[in-house]
Amino acid sequence: MSLATLESGQPRLFDAADPIAGLDRMLVRLWEELTSARSVACPICDAEMRPEHSVHARSRGGRCQGCGCTLT
């Protein structure tokens, strides 16, 4: 990774001080958005991750439209 990438102002996936807490915050935020039936940016490829609904019309996570990863 180049220094230019680090200074680009893009959000980092993990908090450098506590990577587990940073990952937890990110996943909780994504989950809250998806279960509120809102699309989010995929944490893997940055494509659109759309909510997936159960038979009860309630969101149960999401699937990325780019790389196909799921959050359930």
N, C-alpha and C. Protein backbone atom coordinates (compact mmCIF):
# COMPACT_ATOMS: atom_id res chain seq x y z
N MET A 1 0.85 -1.17 0.00
CA MET A 1 0.00 0.00 0.00
C MET A 1 0.89 1.22 0.00
N SER A 2 0.56 2.18 -0.82
CA SER A 2 1.40 3.37 -0.92
C SER A 2 0.97 4.41 0.10
N LEU A 3 1.86 5.33 0.37
CA LEU A 3 1.57 6.42 1.29
C LEU A 3 0.42 7.26 0.75
N ALA A 4 0.38 7.43 -0.58
CA ALA A 4 -0.71 8.20 -1.18
C ALA A 4 -2.06 7.58 -0.88
N THR A 5 -2.14 6.27 -0.84
CA THR A 5 -3.39 5.60 -0.52
C THR A 5 -3.80 5.88 0.92
N LEU A 6 -2.83 5.86 1.82
CA LEU A 6 -3.13 6.10 3.22
C LEU A 6 -3.59 7.53 3.48
N GLU A 7 -3.10 8.47 2.69
CA GLU A 7 -3.44 9.87 2.90
C GLU A 7 -4.58 10.35 2.02
N SER A 8 -5.26 9.45 1.35
CA SER A 8 -6.30 9.83 0.40
C SER A 8 -7.59 10.31 1.05
N GLY A 9 -7.72 10.12 2.34
CA GLY A 9 -8.94 10.52 3.02
C GLY A 9 -10.02 9.46 2.99
N GLN A 10 -9.76 8.32 2.38
CA GLN A 10 -10.73 7.24 2.35
C GLN A 10 -10.84 6.61 3.73
N PRO A 11 -12.05 6.23 4.14
CA PRO A 11 -12.18 5.57 5.45
C PRO A 11 -11.45 4.24 5.46
N ARG A 12 -10.86 3.91 6.57
CA ARG A 12 -10.16 2.64 6.72
C ARG A 12 -11.13 1.57 7.19
N LEU A 13 -10.85 0.34 6.81
CA LEU A 13 -11.70 -0.77 7.22
C LEU A 13 -11.57 -1.01 8.72
N PHE A 14 -10.36 -0.89 9.25
CA PHE A 14 -10.13 -1.14 10.67
C PHE A 14 -9.52 0.09 11.34
N ASP A 15 -9.89 0.31 12.58
CA ASP A 15 -9.29 1.35 13.39
C ASP A 15 -7.90 0.86 13.80
N ALA A 16 -6.86 1.65 13.54
CA ALA A 16 -5.49 1.22 13.82
C ALA A 16 -5.26 0.96 15.31
N ALA A 17 -5.93 1.69 16.18
CA ALA A 17 -5.72 1.52 17.62
C ALA A 17 -6.33 0.21 18.13
N ASP A 18 -7.48 -0.16 17.62
CA ASP A 18 -8.16 -1.37 18.07
C ASP A 18 -8.90 -1.99 16.88
N PRO A 19 -8.23 -2.85 16.12
CA PRO A 19 -8.87 -3.38 14.91
C PRO A 19 -10.15 -4.15 15.16
N ILE A 20 -10.27 -4.84 16.29
CA ILE A 20 -11.49 -5.61 16.57
C ILE A 20 -12.66 -4.66 16.82
N ALA A 21 -12.45 -3.61 17.60
CA ALA A 21 -13.52 -2.64 17.86
C ALA A 21 -13.92 -1.93 16.57
N GLY A 22 -12.96 -1.63 15.69
CA GLY A 22 -13.27 -0.98 14.42
C GLY A 22 -14.10 -1.88 13.52
N LEU A 23 -13.76 -3.16 13.48
CA LEU A 23 -14.51 -4.12 12.70
C LEU A 23 -15.92 -4.28 13.26
N ASP A 24 -16.03 -4.35 14.58
CA ASP A 24 -17.33 -4.48 15.22
C ASP A 24 -18.23 -3.29 14.90
N ARG A 25 -17.70 -2.09 15.01
CA ARG A 25 -18.49 -0.88 14.71
C ARG A 25 -18.97 -0.89 13.27
N MET A 26 -18.07 -1.29 12.33
CA MET A 26 -18.44 -1.31 10.93
C MET A 26 -19.55 -2.32 10.67
N LEU A 27 -19.43 -3.53 11.21
CA LEU A 27 -20.44 -4.56 10.99
C LEU A 27 -21.78 -4.20 11.62
N VAL A 28 -21.76 -3.60 12.80
CA VAL A 28 -23.00 -3.17 13.45
C VAL A 28 -23.68 -2.10 12.60
N ARG A 29 -22.92 -1.14 12.08
CA ARG A 29 -23.50 -0.09 11.25
C ARG A 29 -24.11 -0.69 9.98
N LEU A 30 -23.39 -1.60 9.32
CA LEU A 30 -23.92 -2.24 8.12
C LEU A 30 -25.20 -3.02 8.43
N TRP A 31 -25.18 -3.78 9.51
CA TRP A 31 -26.34 -4.59 9.90
C TRP A 31 -27.55 -3.70 10.17
N GLU A 32 -27.35 -2.61 10.89
CA GLU A 32 -28.46 -1.71 11.20
C GLU A 32 -29.07 -1.13 9.93
N GLU A 33 -28.23 -0.75 8.99
CA GLU A 33 -28.74 -0.20 7.73
C GLU A 33 -29.50 -1.27 6.93
N LEU A 34 -28.92 -2.44 6.81
CA LEU A 34 -29.56 -3.51 6.04
C LEU A 34 -30.88 -3.95 6.65
N THR A 35 -30.94 -4.08 7.98
CA THR A 35 -32.19 -4.50 8.61
C THR A 35 -33.23 -3.38 8.63
N SER A 36 -32.82 -2.17 8.26
CA SER A 36 -33.76 -1.07 8.09
C SER A 36 -34.14 -0.92 6.62
N ALA A 37 -33.81 -1.94 5.82
CA ALA A 37 -34.15 -2.01 4.39
C ALA A 37 -33.46 -0.94 3.56
N ARG A 38 -32.23 -0.58 3.96
CA ARG A 38 -31.44 0.38 3.19
C ARG A 38 -30.20 -0.31 2.63
N SER A 39 -29.82 0.06 1.43
CA SER A 39 -28.61 -0.46 0.81
C SER A 39 -27.39 0.21 1.43
N VAL A 40 -26.27 -0.50 1.42
CA VAL A 40 -25.00 0.02 1.94
C VAL A 40 -23.89 -0.31 0.95
N ALA A 41 -22.73 0.26 1.17
CA ALA A 41 -21.55 -0.08 0.36
C ALA A 41 -20.94 -1.36 0.92
N CYS A 42 -20.63 -2.29 0.04
CA CYS A 42 -20.03 -3.56 0.45
C CYS A 42 -18.66 -3.29 1.10
N PRO A 43 -18.39 -3.91 2.26
CA PRO A 43 -17.10 -3.70 2.90
C PRO A 43 -15.95 -4.38 2.17
N ILE A 44 -16.25 -5.26 1.23
CA ILE A 44 -15.21 -5.97 0.48
C ILE A 44 -14.85 -5.23 -0.81
N CYS A 45 -15.85 -4.95 -1.63
CA CYS A 45 -15.56 -4.38 -2.96
C CYS A 45 -16.16 -2.99 -3.18
N ASP A 46 -16.92 -2.46 -2.24
CA ASP A 46 -17.53 -1.13 -2.29
C ASP A 46 -18.70 -1.03 -3.27
N ALA A 47 -19.16 -2.15 -3.84
CA ALA A 47 -20.36 -2.13 -4.68
C ALA A 47 -21.59 -2.06 -3.78
N GLU A 48 -22.76 -1.97 -4.36
CA GLU A 48 -24.00 -1.88 -3.58
C GLU A 48 -24.34 -3.23 -2.94
N MET A 49 -24.57 -3.22 -1.63
CA MET A 49 -25.06 -4.38 -0.91
C MET A 49 -26.53 -4.08 -0.59
N ARG A 50 -27.41 -4.92 -1.14
CA ARG A 50 -28.85 -4.72 -0.98
C ARG A 50 -29.39 -5.62 0.12
N PRO A 51 -30.40 -5.14 0.85
CA PRO A 51 -31.02 -5.99 1.87
C PRO A 51 -31.69 -7.19 1.23
N GLU A 52 -31.64 -8.33 1.92
CA GLU A 52 -32.38 -9.53 1.51
C GLU A 52 -33.49 -9.73 2.54
N HIS A 53 -34.66 -10.13 2.06
CA HIS A 53 -35.82 -10.24 2.93
C HIS A 53 -36.20 -11.70 3.15
N SER A 54 -36.70 -11.97 4.33
CA SER A 54 -37.20 -13.30 4.65
C SER A 54 -38.64 -13.41 4.16
N VAL A 55 -39.25 -14.55 4.38
CA VAL A 55 -40.64 -14.75 3.95
C VAL A 55 -41.60 -13.83 4.69
N HIS A 56 -41.16 -13.25 5.79
CA HIS A 56 -42.01 -12.35 6.57
C HIS A 56 -41.78 -10.89 6.19
N ALA A 57 -41.12 -10.65 5.05
CA ALA A 57 -40.85 -9.32 4.52
C ALA A 57 -39.93 -8.49 5.42
N ARG A 58 -39.25 -9.15 6.31
CA ARG A 58 -38.31 -8.46 7.18
C ARG A 58 -36.89 -8.71 6.67
N SER A 59 -36.06 -7.67 6.65
CA SER A 59 -34.70 -7.83 6.16
C SER A 59 -33.92 -8.75 7.08
N ARG A 60 -33.15 -9.66 6.50
CA ARG A 60 -32.37 -10.61 7.29
C ARG A 60 -30.89 -10.53 6.96
N GLY A 61 -30.46 -9.42 6.43
CA GLY A 61 -29.07 -9.23 6.04
C GLY A 61 -29.00 -8.66 4.65
N GLY A 62 -27.89 -8.91 3.95
CA GLY A 62 -27.75 -8.36 2.61
C GLY A 62 -26.80 -9.15 1.75
N ARG A 63 -26.88 -8.88 0.44
CA ARG A 63 -26.01 -9.52 -0.54
C ARG A 63 -25.44 -8.43 -1.44
N CYS A 64 -24.13 -8.52 -1.68
CA CYS A 64 -23.44 -7.57 -2.55
C CYS A 64 -23.78 -7.85 -4.00
N GLN A 65 -24.06 -6.79 -4.74
CA GLN A 65 -24.37 -6.92 -6.16
C GLN A 65 -23.11 -7.04 -6.99
N GLY A 66 -21.94 -6.72 -6.40
CA GLY A 66 -20.68 -6.81 -7.12
C GLY A 66 -19.99 -8.13 -6.95
N CYS A 67 -19.58 -8.45 -5.71
CA CYS A 67 -18.79 -9.66 -5.47
C CYS A 67 -19.62 -10.83 -4.94
N GLY A 68 -20.88 -10.58 -4.57
CA GLY A 68 -21.75 -11.66 -4.13
C GLY A 68 -21.64 -12.05 -2.67
N CYS A 69 -20.80 -11.37 -1.89
CA CYS A 69 -20.68 -11.74 -0.47
C CYS A 69 -21.98 -11.41 0.26
N THR A 70 -22.22 -12.09 1.35
CA THR A 70 -23.45 -11.88 2.12
C THR A 70 -23.13 -11.51 3.57
N LEU A 71 -24.04 -10.78 4.16
CA LEU A 71 -23.99 -10.47 5.58
C LEU A 71 -25.32 -10.94 6.15
N THR A 72 -25.28 -12.00 6.97
CA THR A 72 -26.51 -12.55 7.54
C THR A 72 -26.38 -12.73 9.03
